């Protein structure tokens, strides 16, 4: 399974010119993506209703709730934290 995932990630990166961001729960990450071949990818860890990310590895984004509120949006929204600078975020985007 890991080789298939890696092959897909390589194709996406080759096409878009940036590494894909791996959106996952910390449990899925440690169970299925716990191989050094995935260490260079940015991670978006979904870990809700806690004060900090339980996952102890490198992470770039943390989705901490799916029931947040934002002024001007009448329904619940996801709330996320970026663990970096604006320049680091810009480097992750498609040019």
N, C-alpha and C. Protein backbone atom coordinates (compact mmCIF):
# COMPACT_ATOMS: atom_id res chain seq x y z
N UNK A 1 0.83 -1.19 0.00
CA UNK A 1 0.00 0.00 0.00
C UNK A 1 0.88 1.26 0.00
N UNK A 2 1.95 1.27 0.80
CA UNK A 2 2.79 2.47 0.90
C UNK A 2 3.45 2.80 -0.43
N UNK A 3 3.86 1.79 -1.19
CA UNK A 3 4.49 2.05 -2.49
C UNK A 3 3.49 2.68 -3.46
N UNK A 4 2.24 2.21 -3.40
CA UNK A 4 1.19 2.79 -4.24
C UNK A 4 0.91 4.24 -3.89
N UNK A 5 0.86 4.53 -2.61
CA UNK A 5 0.65 5.91 -2.15
C UNK A 5 1.81 6.78 -2.62
N UNK A 6 3.02 6.30 -2.44
CA UNK A 6 4.21 7.07 -2.83
C UNK A 6 4.23 7.32 -4.33
N UNK A 7 3.85 6.34 -5.13
CA UNK A 7 3.80 6.50 -6.58
C UNK A 7 2.81 7.60 -6.96
N UNK A 8 1.65 7.60 -6.32
CA UNK A 8 0.64 8.62 -6.59
C UNK A 8 1.15 10.00 -6.18
N UNK A 9 1.77 10.09 -5.00
CA UNK A 9 2.32 11.37 -4.53
C UNK A 9 3.37 11.90 -5.50
N UNK A 10 4.22 11.03 -6.01
CA UNK A 10 5.25 11.44 -6.97
C UNK A 10 4.63 11.99 -8.25
N UNK A 11 3.56 11.36 -8.71
CA UNK A 11 2.89 11.83 -9.93
C UNK A 11 2.25 13.21 -9.72
N UNK A 12 1.61 13.39 -8.58
CA UNK A 12 0.98 14.68 -8.28
C UNK A 12 2.04 15.77 -8.17
N UNK A 13 3.13 15.48 -7.46
CA UNK A 13 4.21 16.46 -7.32
C UNK A 13 4.84 16.80 -8.67
N UNK A 14 5.02 15.81 -9.51
CA UNK A 14 5.59 16.04 -10.84
C UNK A 14 4.68 16.94 -11.67
N UNK A 15 3.39 16.73 -11.57
CA UNK A 15 2.43 17.51 -12.36
C UNK A 15 2.32 18.96 -11.86
N UNK A 16 2.21 19.15 -10.54
CA UNK A 16 1.95 20.48 -9.99
C UNK A 16 3.21 21.24 -9.57
N UNK A 17 4.31 20.55 -9.40
CA UNK A 17 5.55 21.22 -9.03
C UNK A 17 5.69 21.54 -7.55
N UNK A 18 4.80 21.02 -6.72
CA UNK A 18 4.90 21.15 -5.26
C UNK A 18 4.51 19.83 -4.62
N UNK A 19 5.01 19.59 -3.43
CA UNK A 19 4.66 18.37 -2.72
C UNK A 19 3.20 18.43 -2.28
N UNK A 20 2.45 17.34 -2.47
CA UNK A 20 1.07 17.30 -1.96
C UNK A 20 1.07 17.36 -0.43
N UNK A 21 0.06 17.97 0.12
CA UNK A 21 -0.11 18.02 1.56
C UNK A 21 -0.92 16.79 1.96
N UNK A 22 -0.43 16.05 2.93
CA UNK A 22 -1.11 14.84 3.40
C UNK A 22 -2.05 15.20 4.54
N UNK A 23 -3.36 15.14 4.25
CA UNK A 23 -4.39 15.41 5.25
C UNK A 23 -4.77 14.08 5.90
N UNK A 24 -4.59 13.99 7.22
CA UNK A 24 -4.82 12.72 7.89
C UNK A 24 -5.05 12.92 9.37
N UNK A 25 -5.67 11.95 10.00
CA UNK A 25 -5.70 11.95 11.47
C UNK A 25 -4.35 11.45 11.95
N UNK A 26 -4.00 11.77 13.19
CA UNK A 26 -2.71 11.30 13.69
C UNK A 26 -2.70 9.79 13.81
N UNK A 27 -3.85 9.17 14.09
CA UNK A 27 -3.90 7.70 14.19
C UNK A 27 -3.63 7.06 12.83
N UNK A 28 -4.23 7.59 11.76
CA UNK A 28 -4.00 7.05 10.42
C UNK A 28 -2.55 7.26 10.02
N UNK A 29 -1.99 8.43 10.35
CA UNK A 29 -0.61 8.73 10.02
C UNK A 29 0.33 7.69 10.64
N UNK A 30 0.16 7.43 11.92
CA UNK A 30 1.06 6.51 12.59
C UNK A 30 0.83 5.06 12.16
N UNK A 31 -0.37 4.74 11.72
CA UNK A 31 -0.67 3.36 11.32
C UNK A 31 -0.26 3.07 9.87
N UNK A 32 -0.53 4.00 8.95
CA UNK A 32 -0.33 3.72 7.52
C UNK A 32 0.77 4.54 6.85
N UNK A 33 1.14 5.66 7.42
CA UNK A 33 2.14 6.54 6.79
C UNK A 33 3.39 6.67 7.64
N UNK A 34 3.61 5.72 8.52
CA UNK A 34 4.74 5.78 9.44
C UNK A 34 5.99 5.16 8.81
N UNK A 35 6.40 5.73 7.69
CA UNK A 35 7.58 5.27 6.97
C UNK A 35 8.37 6.50 6.55
N UNK A 36 9.68 6.41 6.58
CA UNK A 36 10.52 7.58 6.28
C UNK A 36 10.30 8.13 4.87
N UNK A 37 9.73 7.33 3.95
CA UNK A 37 9.49 7.84 2.60
C UNK A 37 8.46 8.98 2.58
N UNK A 38 7.69 9.11 3.65
CA UNK A 38 6.68 10.17 3.74
C UNK A 38 7.14 11.36 4.58
N UNK A 39 8.35 11.32 5.11
CA UNK A 39 8.82 12.37 6.02
C UNK A 39 9.00 13.74 5.36
N UNK A 40 9.16 13.78 4.05
CA UNK A 40 9.38 15.07 3.38
C UNK A 40 8.08 15.77 2.99
N UNK A 41 6.95 15.14 3.24
CA UNK A 41 5.67 15.73 2.86
C UNK A 41 5.11 16.58 3.99
N UNK A 42 4.44 17.68 3.64
CA UNK A 42 3.75 18.46 4.66
C UNK A 42 2.52 17.69 5.16
N UNK A 43 2.26 17.79 6.45
CA UNK A 43 1.11 17.11 7.05
C UNK A 43 0.08 18.10 7.56
N UNK A 44 -1.17 17.77 7.29
CA UNK A 44 -2.32 18.49 7.83
C UNK A 44 -3.01 17.48 8.73
N UNK A 45 -2.83 17.64 10.04
CA UNK A 45 -3.33 16.68 11.01
C UNK A 45 -4.71 17.11 11.52
N UNK A 46 -5.69 16.24 11.34
CA UNK A 46 -7.03 16.48 11.88
C UNK A 46 -7.09 15.85 13.27
N UNK A 47 -7.20 16.70 14.26
CA UNK A 47 -7.25 16.24 15.65
C UNK A 47 -8.13 17.23 16.40
N UNK A 48 -9.40 16.84 16.60
CA UNK A 48 -10.42 17.76 17.09
C UNK A 48 -10.54 17.82 18.61
N UNK A 49 -11.03 18.98 19.06
CA UNK A 49 -11.50 19.21 20.43
C UNK A 49 -10.42 18.99 21.50
N UNK A 50 -9.19 19.35 21.18
CA UNK A 50 -8.09 19.25 22.14
C UNK A 50 -7.32 20.57 22.13
N UNK A 51 -6.51 20.77 23.16
CA UNK A 51 -5.76 22.02 23.28
C UNK A 51 -4.46 22.02 22.48
N UNK A 52 -4.01 20.84 22.07
CA UNK A 52 -2.80 20.75 21.26
C UNK A 52 -2.84 19.48 20.42
N UNK A 53 -1.98 19.42 19.42
CA UNK A 53 -1.93 18.25 18.55
C UNK A 53 -1.30 17.10 19.32
N UNK A 54 -1.96 15.96 19.36
CA UNK A 54 -1.41 14.79 20.05
C UNK A 54 -0.25 14.18 19.25
N UNK A 55 -0.34 14.26 17.92
CA UNK A 55 0.71 13.71 17.07
C UNK A 55 2.02 14.44 17.36
N UNK A 56 3.09 13.70 17.62
CA UNK A 56 4.36 14.30 18.04
C UNK A 56 5.34 14.57 16.90
N UNK A 57 5.03 14.14 15.70
CA UNK A 57 5.93 14.37 14.57
C UNK A 57 5.77 15.76 13.99
N UNK A 58 6.48 16.00 12.89
CA UNK A 58 6.40 17.29 12.19
C UNK A 58 5.01 17.44 11.58
N UNK A 59 4.40 18.59 11.76
CA UNK A 59 3.13 18.87 11.12
C UNK A 59 3.13 20.33 10.68
N UNK A 60 2.38 20.60 9.61
CA UNK A 60 2.31 21.95 9.06
C UNK A 60 0.97 22.61 9.35
N UNK A 61 -0.10 21.82 9.35
CA UNK A 61 -1.44 22.33 9.63
C UNK A 61 -2.08 21.45 10.70
N UNK A 62 -2.92 22.07 11.51
CA UNK A 62 -3.69 21.33 12.51
C UNK A 62 -5.14 21.77 12.38
N UNK A 63 -6.01 20.86 12.02
CA UNK A 63 -7.45 21.14 12.00
C UNK A 63 -7.98 20.75 13.38
N UNK A 64 -8.32 21.74 14.20
CA UNK A 64 -8.65 21.46 15.58
C UNK A 64 -10.14 21.40 15.88
N UNK A 65 -10.97 21.77 14.93
CA UNK A 65 -12.41 21.62 15.12
C UNK A 65 -13.13 21.63 13.78
N UNK A 66 -14.30 21.03 13.77
CA UNK A 66 -15.15 21.09 12.59
C UNK A 66 -16.45 21.83 12.92
N UNK A 67 -16.50 22.45 14.08
CA UNK A 67 -17.69 23.19 14.49
C UNK A 67 -17.33 24.62 14.94
N UNK A 68 -16.40 25.22 14.22
CA UNK A 68 -16.01 26.59 14.53
C UNK A 68 -16.99 27.59 13.96
N UNK A 69 -16.84 28.84 14.38
CA UNK A 69 -17.69 29.89 13.81
C UNK A 69 -16.81 31.05 13.34
N UNK A 70 -17.24 31.62 12.22
CA UNK A 70 -16.55 32.76 11.63
C UNK A 70 -17.62 33.80 11.30
N UNK A 71 -17.36 35.02 11.65
CA UNK A 71 -18.29 36.11 11.38
C UNK A 71 -18.61 36.15 9.89
N UNK A 72 -19.89 36.21 9.57
CA UNK A 72 -20.33 36.30 8.18
C UNK A 72 -20.66 34.95 7.55
N UNK A 73 -20.34 33.86 8.22
CA UNK A 73 -20.68 32.52 7.72
C UNK A 73 -21.69 31.92 8.69
N UNK A 74 -22.92 31.64 8.22
CA UNK A 74 -23.99 31.24 9.14
C UNK A 74 -23.96 29.77 9.60
N UNK A 75 -23.00 28.99 9.14
CA UNK A 75 -22.92 27.57 9.53
C UNK A 75 -21.56 27.29 10.15
N UNK A 76 -21.44 26.14 10.79
CA UNK A 76 -20.16 25.74 11.38
C UNK A 76 -19.11 25.54 10.30
N UNK A 77 -17.86 25.85 10.64
CA UNK A 77 -16.75 25.71 9.70
C UNK A 77 -15.58 25.01 10.41
N UNK A 78 -14.67 24.46 9.61
CA UNK A 78 -13.43 23.90 10.14
C UNK A 78 -12.52 25.05 10.55
N UNK A 79 -11.80 24.87 11.65
CA UNK A 79 -10.80 25.84 12.06
C UNK A 79 -9.44 25.15 12.09
N UNK A 80 -8.43 25.83 11.55
CA UNK A 80 -7.11 25.26 11.37
C UNK A 80 -6.04 26.23 11.85
N UNK A 81 -4.87 25.67 12.15
CA UNK A 81 -3.70 26.44 12.53
C UNK A 81 -2.58 26.06 11.57
N UNK A 82 -1.83 27.07 11.09
CA UNK A 82 -0.65 26.80 10.29
C UNK A 82 0.57 26.93 11.19
N UNK A 83 1.43 25.92 11.16
CA UNK A 83 2.62 25.87 12.01
C UNK A 83 3.84 26.35 11.22
N UNK A 84 3.84 27.63 10.88
CA UNK A 84 4.95 28.17 10.08
C UNK A 84 4.73 29.64 9.79
N UNK A 85 5.55 30.15 8.88
CA UNK A 85 5.49 31.55 8.50
C UNK A 85 4.71 31.71 7.20
N UNK A 86 4.39 32.94 6.86
CA UNK A 86 3.72 33.23 5.60
C UNK A 86 4.58 32.78 4.42
N UNK A 87 5.88 33.02 4.50
CA UNK A 87 6.78 32.60 3.43
C UNK A 87 6.79 31.07 3.26
N UNK A 88 6.77 30.34 4.36
CA UNK A 88 6.72 28.86 4.27
C UNK A 88 5.41 28.41 3.65
N UNK A 89 4.33 29.09 3.97
CA UNK A 89 3.04 28.75 3.39
C UNK A 89 3.05 29.02 1.88
N UNK A 90 3.60 30.13 1.46
CA UNK A 90 3.66 30.47 0.04
C UNK A 90 4.46 29.43 -0.74
N UNK A 91 5.52 28.86 -0.13
CA UNK A 91 6.33 27.85 -0.80
C UNK A 91 5.55 26.56 -1.09
N UNK A 92 4.46 26.34 -0.36
CA UNK A 92 3.64 25.14 -0.53
C UNK A 92 2.61 25.28 -1.65
N UNK A 93 2.44 26.48 -2.16
CA UNK A 93 1.37 26.71 -3.12
C UNK A 93 1.81 26.43 -4.56
N UNK A 94 0.82 26.16 -5.38
CA UNK A 94 1.05 25.93 -6.80
C UNK A 94 1.42 27.26 -7.43
N UNK A 95 2.49 27.28 -8.19
CA UNK A 95 2.95 28.52 -8.83
C UNK A 95 2.20 28.77 -10.12
